[in-house]
Structures are given as structure tokens and as C-alpha cells.
Amino acid sequence: MTAPVEELPTPGNIERWIRAALDCEAVEVTGDGHHFEARIVCAAFAGLSRVERHRMVYGALGERMKAQIHALSMRTLAPGEGDPLTPRPSPVGRGGST
């Protein structure tokens, strides 16, 4: 007996699944159907390590992480934390404009 066909992992579905399980301020998912990248901002991440944050997201996705989603890279942030991949403006006097 075969398992029922589930929804295919798309960026929109992954975003919806995360939002359904976690009260997030922002969730952005991109990907090509095989490899996905997510940026997740969630107050529940405050004070947690990166590993603990990732475990929360894996828990939110449940069995989908084993059966449907094979590659998910994540940036997990609490509100107010700087996004390490967002360029910061140069300070005045150090290459910035005046």
C-alpha cells in the first residue's frame, strides 16, 4: 500500500506550513522545488541558539522534513536582531557619505 500523495513542497507551501505552526513576524522562502532558503523572524527565537531555532522550524515542518523537503537552509532571527546578510551602511568618516 502506498502513502497518499501530499502537497508538493513549493516556497509558498513551506512558508504556509511554517506560519501555521509558529507565530512569526516574517517568513520568506525561495527555492526551485528541490533546494529552499528561508528567512524567518519569530519572537519565540529570542534567547535561543541557532540549533534550537532550527529545531523549532524542523518541528513546525514535522514529517515533511523527512519525506518532502530535502534541502532547506535557514536564517532564523528574533525581532530586532540584525540580519547578517543585509549590508549595513558605512559609518560617516569610514567610507560612508557625509
PDB file of N, CA and C in Angstrom:
ATOM      1  N   MET A   1       0.843  -1.180   0.000  1.00  0.00           N
ATOM      2  CA  MET A   1       0.000   0.000   0.000  1.00  0.00           C
ATOM      3  C   MET A   1       0.889   1.244   0.000  1.00  0.00           C
ATOM      4  N   THR A   2       0.599   2.187  -0.861  1.00  0.00           N
ATOM      5  CA  THR A   2       1.410   3.394  -0.955  1.00  0.00           C
ATOM      6  C   THR A   2       0.803   4.505  -0.120  1.00  0.00           C
ATOM      7  N   ALA A   3       1.675   5.408   0.308  1.00  0.00           N
ATOM      8  CA  ALA A   3       1.225   6.566   1.100  1.00  0.00           C
ATOM      9  C   ALA A   3       0.482   7.534   0.191  1.00  0.00           C
ATOM     10  N   PRO A   4      -0.485   8.280   0.724  1.00  0.00           N
ATOM     11  CA  PRO A   4      -1.197   9.257  -0.099  1.00  0.00           C
ATOM     12  C   PRO A   4      -0.258  10.363  -0.558  1.00  0.00           C
ATOM     13  N   VAL A   5      -0.550  10.876  -1.737  1.00  0.00           N
ATOM     14  CA  VAL A   5       0.262  11.965  -2.276  1.00  0.00           C
ATOM     15  C   VAL A   5      -0.052  13.233  -1.494  1.00  0.00           C
ATOM     16  N   GLU A   6       0.972  13.877  -0.996  1.00  0.00           N
ATOM     17  CA  GLU A   6       0.820  15.108  -0.224  1.00  0.00           C
ATOM     18  C   GLU A   6       1.135  16.294  -1.127  1.00  0.00           C
ATOM     19  N   GLU A   7       0.868  17.481  -0.613  1.00  0.00           N
ATOM     20  CA  GLU A   7       1.211  18.690  -1.368  1.00  0.00           C
ATOM     21  C   GLU A   7       2.710  18.726  -1.616  1.00  0.00           C
ATOM     22  N   LEU A   8       3.075  19.108  -2.823  1.00  0.00           N
ATOM     23  CA  LEU A   8       4.492  19.230  -3.149  1.00  0.00           C
ATOM     24  C   LEU A   8       5.085  20.423  -2.430  1.00  0.00           C
ATOM     25  N   PRO A   9       6.358  20.311  -2.057  1.00  0.00           N
ATOM     26  CA  PRO A   9       6.981  21.456  -1.402  1.00  0.00           C
ATOM     27  C   PRO A   9       7.277  22.567  -2.419  1.00  0.00           C
ATOM     28  N   THR A  10       6.637  23.677  -2.237  1.00  0.00           N
ATOM     29  CA  THR A  10       6.926  24.886  -3.011  1.00  0.00           C
ATOM     30  C   THR A  10       7.287  25.953  -1.994  1.00  0.00           C
ATOM     31  N   PRO A  11       7.942  27.028  -2.418  1.00  0.00           N
ATOM     32  CA  PRO A  11       8.234  28.094  -1.451  1.00  0.00           C
ATOM     33  C   PRO A  11       6.971  28.571  -0.723  1.00  0.00           C
ATOM     34  N   GLY A  12       5.872  28.720  -1.445  1.00  0.00           N
ATOM     35  CA  GLY A  12       4.634  29.176  -0.822  1.00  0.00           C
ATOM     36  C   GLY A  12       4.079  28.191   0.197  1.00  0.00           C
ATOM     37  N   ASN A  13       4.137  26.888  -0.121  1.00  0.00           N
ATOM     38  CA  ASN A  13       3.659  25.880   0.818  1.00  0.00           C
ATOM     39  C   ASN A  13       4.527  25.832   2.064  1.00  0.00           C
ATOM     40  N   ILE A  14       5.836  25.867   1.891  1.00  0.00           N
ATOM     41  CA  ILE A  14       6.737  25.830   3.050  1.00  0.00           C
ATOM     42  C   ILE A  14       6.487  27.036   3.935  1.00  0.00           C
ATOM     43  N   GLU A  15       6.331  28.211   3.338  1.00  0.00           N
ATOM     44  CA  GLU A  15       6.031  29.415   4.117  1.00  0.00           C
ATOM     45  C   GLU A  15       4.718  29.231   4.886  1.00  0.00           C
ATOM     46  N   ARG A  16       3.706  28.714   4.229  1.00  0.00           N
ATOM     47  CA  ARG A  16       2.402  28.500   4.864  1.00  0.00           C
ATOM     48  C   ARG A  16       2.508  27.499   6.007  1.00  0.00           C
ATOM     49  N   TRP A  17       3.245  26.409   5.819  1.00  0.00           N
ATOM     50  CA  TRP A  17       3.403  25.393   6.861  1.00  0.00           C
ATOM     51  C   TRP A  17       4.121  25.966   8.086  1.00  0.00           C
ATOM     52  N   ILE A  18       5.154  26.792   7.863  1.00  0.00           N
ATOM     53  CA  ILE A  18       5.875  27.407   8.988  1.00  0.00           C
ATOM     54  C   ILE A  18       4.954  28.366   9.722  1.00  0.00           C
ATOM     55  N   ARG A  19       4.255  29.223   8.984  1.00  0.00           N
ATOM     56  CA  ARG A  19       3.352  30.202   9.608  1.00  0.00           C
ATOM     57  C   ARG A  19       2.218  29.529  10.385  1.00  0.00           C
ATOM     58  N   ALA A  20       1.774  28.369   9.924  1.00  0.00           N
ATOM     59  CA  ALA A  20       0.690  27.662  10.604  1.00  0.00           C
ATOM     60  C   ALA A  20       1.125  27.148  11.976  1.00  0.00           C
ATOM     61  N   ALA A  21       2.415  26.883  12.145  1.00  0.00           N
ATOM     62  CA  ALA A  21       2.907  26.298  13.394  1.00  0.00           C
ATOM     63  C   ALA A  21       3.605  27.292  14.309  1.00  0.00           C
ATOM     64  N   LEU A  22       4.156  28.367  13.742  1.00  0.00           N
ATOM     65  CA  LEU A  22       4.900  29.345  14.539  1.00  0.00           C
ATOM     66  C   LEU A  22       4.308  30.736  14.322  1.00  0.00           C
ATOM     67  N   ASP A  23       4.233  31.514  15.385  1.00  0.00           N
ATOM     68  CA  ASP A  23       3.735  32.889  15.301  1.00  0.00           C
ATOM     69  C   ASP A  23       4.899  33.788  14.888  1.00  0.00           C
ATOM     70  N   CYS A  24       5.098  33.924  13.587  1.00  0.00           N
ATOM     71  CA  CYS A  24       6.264  34.628  13.044  1.00  0.00           C
ATOM     72  C   CYS A  24       5.898  36.030  12.569  1.00  0.00           C
ATOM     73  N   GLU A  25       6.832  36.940  12.748  1.00  0.00           N
ATOM     74  CA  GLU A  25       6.676  38.290  12.225  1.00  0.00           C
ATOM     75  C   GLU A  25       6.926  38.323  10.724  1.00  0.00           C
ATOM     76  N   ALA A  26       7.839  37.464  10.258  1.00  0.00           N
ATOM     77  CA  ALA A  26       8.155  37.419   8.828  1.00  0.00           C
ATOM     78  C   ALA A  26       8.650  36.024   8.467  1.00  0.00           C
ATOM     79  N   VAL A  27       8.196  35.541   7.312  1.00  0.00           N
ATOM     80  CA  VAL A  27       8.694  34.287   6.750  1.00  0.00           C
ATOM     81  C   VAL A  27       8.827  34.511   5.252  1.00  0.00           C
ATOM     82  N   GLU A  28      10.031  34.302   4.737  1.00  0.00           N
ATOM     83  CA  GLU A  28      10.281  34.420   3.299  1.00  0.00           C
ATOM     84  C   GLU A  28      10.988  33.155   2.855  1.00  0.00           C
ATOM     85  N   VAL A  29      10.418  32.471   1.879  1.00  0.00           N
ATOM     86  CA  VAL A  29      11.003  31.225   1.386  1.00  0.00           C
ATOM     87  C   VAL A  29      11.190  31.342  -0.120  1.00  0.00           C
ATOM     88  N   THR A  30      12.360  30.960  -0.590  1.00  0.00           N
ATOM     89  CA  THR A  30      12.635  30.890  -2.019  1.00  0.00           C
ATOM     90  C   THR A  30      13.147  29.484  -2.316  1.00  0.00           C
ATOM     91  N   GLY A  31      13.094  29.104  -3.581  1.00  0.00           N
ATOM     92  CA  GLY A  31      13.628  27.801  -3.935  1.00  0.00           C
ATOM     93  C   GLY A  31      13.150  27.342  -5.292  1.00  0.00           C
ATOM     94  N   ASP A  32      13.719  26.225  -5.716  1.00  0.00           N
ATOM     95  CA  ASP A  32      13.457  25.706  -7.056  1.00  0.00           C
ATOM     96  C   ASP A  32      12.684  24.387  -7.055  1.00  0.00           C
ATOM     97  N   GLY A  33      12.140  23.995  -5.912  1.00  0.00           N
ATOM     98  CA  GLY A  33      11.432  22.733  -5.816  1.00  0.00           C
ATOM     99  C   GLY A  33      12.272  21.614  -5.226  1.00  0.00           C
ATOM    100  N   HIS A  34      13.589  21.810  -5.196  1.00  0.00           N
ATOM    101  CA  HIS A  34      14.498  20.825  -4.613  1.00  0.00           C
ATOM    102  C   HIS A  34      15.297  21.428  -3.470  1.00  0.00           C
ATOM    103  N   HIS A  35      15.769  22.650  -3.661  1.00  0.00           N
ATOM    104  CA  HIS A  35      16.565  23.359  -2.658  1.00  0.00           C
ATOM    105  C   HIS A  35      15.822  24.628  -2.278  1.00  0.00           C
ATOM    106  N   PHE A  36      15.696  24.863  -0.961  1.00  0.00           N
ATOM    107  CA  PHE A  36      14.945  26.008  -0.473  1.00  0.00           C
ATOM    108  C   PHE A  36      15.791  26.811   0.508  1.00  0.00           C
ATOM    109  N   GLU A  37      15.518  28.109   0.553  1.00  0.00           N
ATOM    110  CA  GLU A  37      16.141  29.001   1.528  1.00  0.00           C
ATOM    111  C   GLU A  37      15.026  29.756   2.231  1.00  0.00           C
ATOM    112  N   ALA A  38      15.131  29.850   3.554  1.00  0.00           N
ATOM    113  CA  ALA A  38      14.101  30.541   4.329  1.00  0.00           C
ATOM    114  C   ALA A  38      14.746  31.576   5.249  1.00  0.00           C
ATOM    115  N   ARG A  39      14.080  32.709   5.376  1.00  0.00           N
ATOM    116  CA  ARG A  39      14.432  33.741   6.352  1.00  0.00           C
ATOM    117  C   ARG A  39      13.209  33.866   7.243  1.00  0.00           C
ATOM    118  N   ILE A  40      13.395  33.573   8.541  1.00  0.00           N
ATOM    119  CA  ILE A  40      12.275  33.503   9.470  1.00  0.00           C
ATOM    120  C   ILE A  40      12.563  34.418  10.652  1.00  0.00           C
ATOM    121  N   VAL A  41      11.650  35.349  10.917  1.00  0.00           N
ATOM    122  CA  VAL A  41      11.760  36.245  12.072  1.00  0.00           C
ATOM    123  C   VAL A  41      10.623  35.879  13.015  1.00  0.00           C
ATOM    124  N   CYS A  42      10.982  35.492  14.244  1.00  0.00           N
ATOM    125  CA  CYS A  42       9.984  34.985  15.188  1.00  0.00           C
ATOM    126  C   CYS A  42      10.398  35.375  16.608  1.00  0.00           C
ATOM    127  N   ALA A  43       9.477  35.972  17.371  1.00  0.00           N
ATOM    128  CA  ALA A  43       9.764  36.381  18.748  1.00  0.00           C
ATOM    129  C   ALA A  43      10.144  35.178  19.616  1.00  0.00           C
ATOM    130  N   ALA A  44       9.617  34.019  19.302  1.00  0.00           N
ATOM    131  CA  ALA A  44       9.920  32.817  20.087  1.00  0.00           C
ATOM    132  C   ALA A  44      11.388  32.413  19.983  1.00  0.00           C
ATOM    133  N   PHE A  45      12.121  32.950  19.012  1.00  0.00           N
ATOM    134  CA  PHE A  45      13.543  32.634  18.850  1.00  0.00           C
ATOM    135  C   PHE A  45      14.429  33.401  19.830  1.00  0.00           C
ATOM    136  N   ALA A  46      13.913  34.432  20.474  1.00  0.00           N
ATOM    137  CA  ALA A  46      14.721  35.270  21.373  1.00  0.00           C
ATOM    138  C   ALA A  46      15.355  34.408  22.468  1.00  0.00           C
ATOM    139  N   GLY A  47      16.660  34.561  22.625  1.00  0.00           N
ATOM    140  CA  GLY A  47      17.395  33.847  23.662  1.00  0.00           C
ATOM    141  C   GLY A  47      17.762  32.417  23.324  1.00  0.00           C
ATOM    142  N   LEU A  48      17.369  31.937  22.147  1.00  0.00           N
ATOM    143  CA  LEU A  48      17.679  30.559  21.746  1.00  0.00           C
ATOM    144  C   LEU A  48      18.912  30.520  20.852  1.00  0.00           C
ATOM    145  N   SER A  49      19.608  29.410  20.878  1.00  0.00           N
ATOM    146  CA  SER A  49      20.742  29.211  19.973  1.00  0.00           C
ATOM    147  C   SER A  49      20.231  28.945  18.571  1.00  0.00           C
ATOM    148  N   ARG A  50      21.117  29.012  17.603  1.00  0.00           N
ATOM    149  CA  ARG A  50      20.747  28.725  16.222  1.00  0.00           C
ATOM    150  C   ARG A  50      20.207  27.298  16.097  1.00  0.00           C
ATOM    151  N   VAL A  51      20.831  26.355  16.783  1.00  0.00           N
ATOM    152  CA  VAL A  51      20.378  24.964  16.728  1.00  0.00           C
ATOM    153  C   VAL A  51      18.962  24.840  17.288  1.00  0.00           C
ATOM    154  N   GLU A  52      18.681  25.496  18.412  1.00  0.00           N
ATOM    155  CA  GLU A  52      17.344  25.441  18.998  1.00  0.00           C
ATOM    156  C   GLU A  52      16.300  26.072  18.074  1.00  0.00           C
ATOM    157  N   ARG A  53      16.667  27.162  17.427  1.00  0.00           N
ATOM    158  CA  ARG A  53      15.762  27.821  16.481  1.00  0.00           C
ATOM    159  C   ARG A  53      15.451  26.899  15.305  1.00  0.00           C
ATOM    160  N   HIS A  54      16.487  26.271  14.769  1.00  0.00           N
ATOM    161  CA  HIS A  54      16.296  25.366  13.637  1.00  0.00           C
ATOM    162  C   HIS A  54      15.431  24.174  14.040  1.00  0.00           C
ATOM    163  N   ARG A  55      15.624  23.681  15.256  1.00  0.00           N
ATOM    164  CA  ARG A  55      14.789  22.567  15.730  1.00  0.00           C
ATOM    165  C   ARG A  55      13.323  22.977  15.781  1.00  0.00           C
ATOM    166  N   MET A  56      13.055  24.224  16.172  1.00  0.00           N
ATOM    167  CA  MET A  56      11.666  24.704  16.192  1.00  0.00           C
ATOM    168  C   MET A  56      11.060  24.676  14.793  1.00  0.00           C
ATOM    169  N   VAL A  57      11.848  25.114  13.808  1.00  0.00           N
ATOM    170  CA  VAL A  57      11.339  25.126  12.429  1.00  0.00           C
ATOM    171  C   VAL A  57      11.168  23.692  11.929  1.00  0.00           C
ATOM    172  N   TYR A  58      12.154  22.825  12.210  1.00  0.00           N
ATOM    173  CA  TYR A  58      12.014  21.420  11.812  1.00  0.00           C
ATOM    174  C   TYR A  58      10.768  20.813  12.450  1.00  0.00           C
ATOM    175  N   GLY A  59      10.512  21.147  13.716  1.00  0.00           N
ATOM    176  CA  GLY A  59       9.316  20.666  14.394  1.00  0.00           C
ATOM    177  C   GLY A  59       8.052  21.178  13.729  1.00  0.00           C
ATOM    178  N   ALA A  60       8.078  22.439  13.281  1.00  0.00           N
ATOM    179  CA  ALA A  60       6.921  23.024  12.604  1.00  0.00           C
ATOM    180  C   ALA A  60       6.635  22.301  11.288  1.00  0.00           C
ATOM    181  N   LEU A  61       7.683  21.869  10.622  1.00  0.00           N
ATOM    182  CA  LEU A  61       7.520  21.190   9.331  1.00  0.00           C
ATOM    183  C   LEU A  61       7.277  19.691   9.496  1.00  0.00           C
ATOM    184  N   GLY A  62       7.593  19.163  10.668  1.00  0.00           N
ATOM    185  CA  GLY A  62       7.298  17.773  11.002  1.00  0.00           C
ATOM    186  C   GLY A  62       7.846  16.769  10.001  1.00  0.00           C
ATOM    187  N   GLU A  63       7.013  15.814   9.666  1.00  0.00           N
ATOM    188  CA  GLU A  63       7.407  14.724   8.768  1.00  0.00           C
ATOM    189  C   GLU A  63       7.755  15.211   7.366  1.00  0.00           C
ATOM    190  N   ARG A  64       7.322  16.404   7.020  1.00  0.00           N
ATOM    191  CA  ARG A  64       7.648  16.939   5.691  1.00  0.00           C
ATOM    192  C   ARG A  64       9.159  17.067   5.498  1.00  0.00           C
ATOM    193  N   MET A  65       9.890  17.311   6.608  1.00  0.00           N
ATOM    194  CA  MET A  65      11.346  17.431   6.509  1.00  0.00           C
ATOM    195  C   MET A  65      11.979  16.099   6.116  1.00  0.00           C
ATOM    196  N   LYS A  66      11.351  15.010   6.462  1.00  0.00           N
ATOM    197  CA  LYS A  66      11.902  13.688   6.129  1.00  0.00           C
ATOM    198  C   LYS A  66      11.441  13.217   4.755  1.00  0.00           C
ATOM    199  N   ALA A  67      10.193  13.497   4.433  1.00  0.00           N
ATOM    200  CA  ALA A  67       9.602  12.911   3.236  1.00  0.00           C
ATOM    201  C   ALA A  67       9.569  13.835   2.026  1.00  0.00           C
ATOM    202  N   GLN A  68       9.406  15.143   2.241  1.00  0.00           N
ATOM    203  CA  GLN A  68       9.170  16.038   1.118  1.00  0.00           C
ATOM    204  C   GLN A  68      10.253  17.098   0.912  1.00  0.00           C
ATOM    205  N   ILE A  69      10.772  17.643   1.989  1.00  0.00           N
ATOM    206  CA  ILE A  69      11.735  18.741   1.886  1.00  0.00           C
ATOM    207  C   ILE A  69      13.123  18.162   2.122  1.00  0.00           C
ATOM    208  N   HIS A  70      13.941  18.206   1.104  1.00  0.00           N
ATOM    209  CA  HIS A  70      15.241  17.542   1.205  1.00  0.00           C
ATOM    210  C   HIS A  70      16.386  18.500   1.469  1.00  0.00           C
ATOM    211  N   ALA A  71      16.212  19.767   1.152  1.00  0.00           N
ATOM    212  CA  ALA A  71      17.285  20.738   1.378  1.00  0.00           C
ATOM    213  C   ALA A  71      16.665  22.081   1.742  1.00  0.00           C
ATOM    214  N   LEU A  72      16.844  22.477   2.999  1.00  0.00           N
ATOM    215  CA  LEU A  72      16.315  23.755   3.477  1.00  0.00           C
ATOM    216  C   LEU A  72      17.393  24.460   4.266  1.00  0.00           C
ATOM    217  N   SER A  73      17.830  25.604   3.765  1.00  0.00           N
ATOM    218  CA  SER A  73      18.788  26.418   4.510  1.00  0.00           C
ATOM    219  C   SER A  73      17.999  27.558   5.145  1.00  0.00           C
ATOM    220  N   MET A  74      18.335  27.892   6.398  1.00  0.00           N
ATOM    221  CA  MET A  74      17.538  28.864   7.147  1.00  0.00           C
ATOM    222  C   MET A  74      18.389  29.952   7.777  1.00  0.00           C
ATOM    223  N   ARG A  75      17.805  31.148   7.809  1.00  0.00           N
ATOM    224  CA  ARG A  75      18.296  32.249   8.638  1.00  0.00           C
ATOM    225  C   ARG A  75      17.169  32.506   9.628  1.00  0.00           C
ATOM    226  N   THR A  76      17.407  32.215  10.892  1.00  0.00           N
ATOM    227  CA  THR A  76      16.382  32.358  11.918  1.00  0.00           C
ATOM    228  C   THR A  76      16.766  33.510  12.839  1.00  0.00           C
ATOM    229  N   LEU A  77      15.879  34.491  12.934  1.00  0.00           N
ATOM    230  CA  LEU A  77      16.161  35.710  13.690  1.00  0.00           C
ATOM    231  C   LEU A  77      15.021  36.031  14.637  1.00  0.00           C
ATOM    232  N   ALA A  78      15.367  36.634  15.771  1.00  0.00           N
ATOM    233  CA  ALA A  78      14.358  37.216  16.649  1.00  0.00           C
ATOM    234  C   ALA A  78      14.149  38.658  16.192  1.00  0.00           C
ATOM    235  N   PRO A  79      12.969  39.250  16.437  1.00  0.00           N
ATOM    236  CA  PRO A  79      12.757  40.651  16.048  1.00  0.00           C
ATOM    237  C   PRO A  79      13.836  41.549  16.650  1.00  0.00           C
ATOM    238  N   GLY A  80      14.328  42.464  15.838  1.00  0.00           N
ATOM    239  CA  GLY A  80      15.358  43.397  16.296  1.00  0.00           C
ATOM    240  C   GLY A  80      16.776  42.909  16.095  1.00  0.00           C
ATOM    241  N   GLU A  81      16.953  41.635  15.797  1.00  0.00           N
ATOM    242  CA  GLU A  81      18.292  41.142  15.510  1.00  0.00           C
ATOM    243  C   GLU A  81      18.670  41.564  14.102  1.00  0.00           C
ATOM    244  N   GLY A  82      19.919  41.931  13.929  1.00  0.00           N
ATOM    245  CA  GLY A  82      20.378  42.293  12.599  1.00  0.00           C
ATOM    246  C   GLY A  82      20.470  41.069  11.721  1.00  0.00           C
ATOM    247  N   ASP A  83      20.113  41.230  10.481  1.00  0.00           N
ATOM    248  CA  ASP A  83      20.240  40.153   9.516  1.00  0.00           C
ATOM    249  C   ASP A  83      21.666  40.163   8.998  1.00  0.00           C
ATOM    250  N   PRO A  84      22.446  39.115   9.260  1.00  0.00           N
ATOM    251  CA  PRO A  84      23.862  39.128   8.878  1.00  0.00           C
ATOM    252  C   PRO A  84      24.103  39.222   7.385  1.00  0.00           C
ATOM    253  N   LEU A  85      23.122  38.945   6.565  1.00  0.00           N
ATOM    254  CA  LEU A  85      23.321  39.020   5.124  1.00  0.00           C
ATOM    255  C   LEU A  85      22.859  40.345   4.534  1.00  0.00           C
ATOM    256  N   THR A  86      22.319  41.227   5.369  1.00  0.00           N
ATOM    257  CA  THR A  86      21.895  42.536   4.894  1.00  0.00           C
ATOM    258  C   THR A  86      23.043  43.513   5.099  1.00  0.00           C
ATOM    259  N   PRO A  87      23.520  44.169   4.035  1.00  0.00           N
ATOM    260  CA  PRO A  87      24.625  45.104   4.205  1.00  0.00           C
ATOM    261  C   PRO A  87      24.234  46.246   5.129  1.00  0.00           C
ATOM    262  N   ARG A  88      25.165  46.623   5.962  1.00  0.00           N
ATOM    263  CA  ARG A  88      24.931  47.749   6.864  1.00  0.00           C
ATOM    264  C   ARG A  88      25.583  48.985   6.277  1.00  0.00           C
ATOM    265  N   PRO A  89      24.981  50.155   6.501  1.00  0.00           N
ATOM    266  CA  PRO A  89      25.585  51.377   5.962  1.00  0.00           C
ATOM    267  C   PRO A  89      26.939  51.640   6.597  1.00  0.00           C
ATOM    268  N   SER A  90      27.829  52.212   5.798  1.00  0.00           N
ATOM    269  CA  SER A  90      29.143  52.564   6.317  1.00  0.00           C
ATOM    270  C   SER A  90      29.016  53.763   7.237  1.00  0.00           C
ATOM    271  N   PRO A  91      29.732  53.750   8.379  1.00  0.00           N
ATOM    272  CA  PRO A  91      29.696  54.921   9.250  1.00  0.00           C
ATOM    273  C   PRO A  91      30.336  56.126   8.583  1.00  0.00           C
ATOM    274  N   VAL A  92      29.866  57.304   8.915  1.00  0.00           N
ATOM    275  CA  VAL A  92      30.438  58.548   8.374  1.00  0.00           C
ATOM    276  C   VAL A  92      31.905  58.598   8.753  1.00  0.00           C
ATOM    277  N   GLY A  93      32.746  58.976   7.792  1.00  0.00           N
ATOM    278  CA  GLY A  93      34.181  59.092   8.036  1.00  0.00           C
ATOM    279  C   GLY A  93      34.927  57.793   7.780  1.00  0.00           C
ATOM    280  N   ARG A  94      34.227  56.728   7.467  1.00  0.00           N
ATOM    281  CA  ARG A  94      34.874  55.445   7.185  1.00  0.00           C
ATOM    282  C   ARG A  94      34.399  54.923   5.829  1.00  0.00           C
ATOM    283  N   GLY A  95      34.374  55.784   4.870  1.00  0.00           N
ATOM    284  CA  GLY A  95      33.964  55.353   3.543  1.00  0.00           C
ATOM    285  C   GLY A  95      32.504  55.660   3.247  1.00  0.00           C
ATOM    286  N   GLY A  96      31.779  56.152   4.242  1.00  0.00           N
ATOM    287  CA  GLY A  96      30.380  56.489   4.020  1.00  0.00           C
ATOM    288  C   GLY A  96      30.250  57.897   3.500  1.00  0.00           C
ATOM    289  N   SER A  97      29.070  58.259   3.019  1.00  0.00           N
ATOM    290  CA  SER A  97      28.864  59.615   2.520  1.00  0.00           C
ATOM    291  C   SER A  97      28.542  60.532   3.682  1.00  0.00           C
ATOM    292  N   THR A  98      28.802  61.809   3.493  1.00  0.00           N
ATOM    293  CA  THR A  98      28.524  62.786   4.542  1.00  0.00           C
ATOM    294  C   THR A  98      27.344  63.633   4.192  1.00  0.00           C
TER     295      THR A  98
END
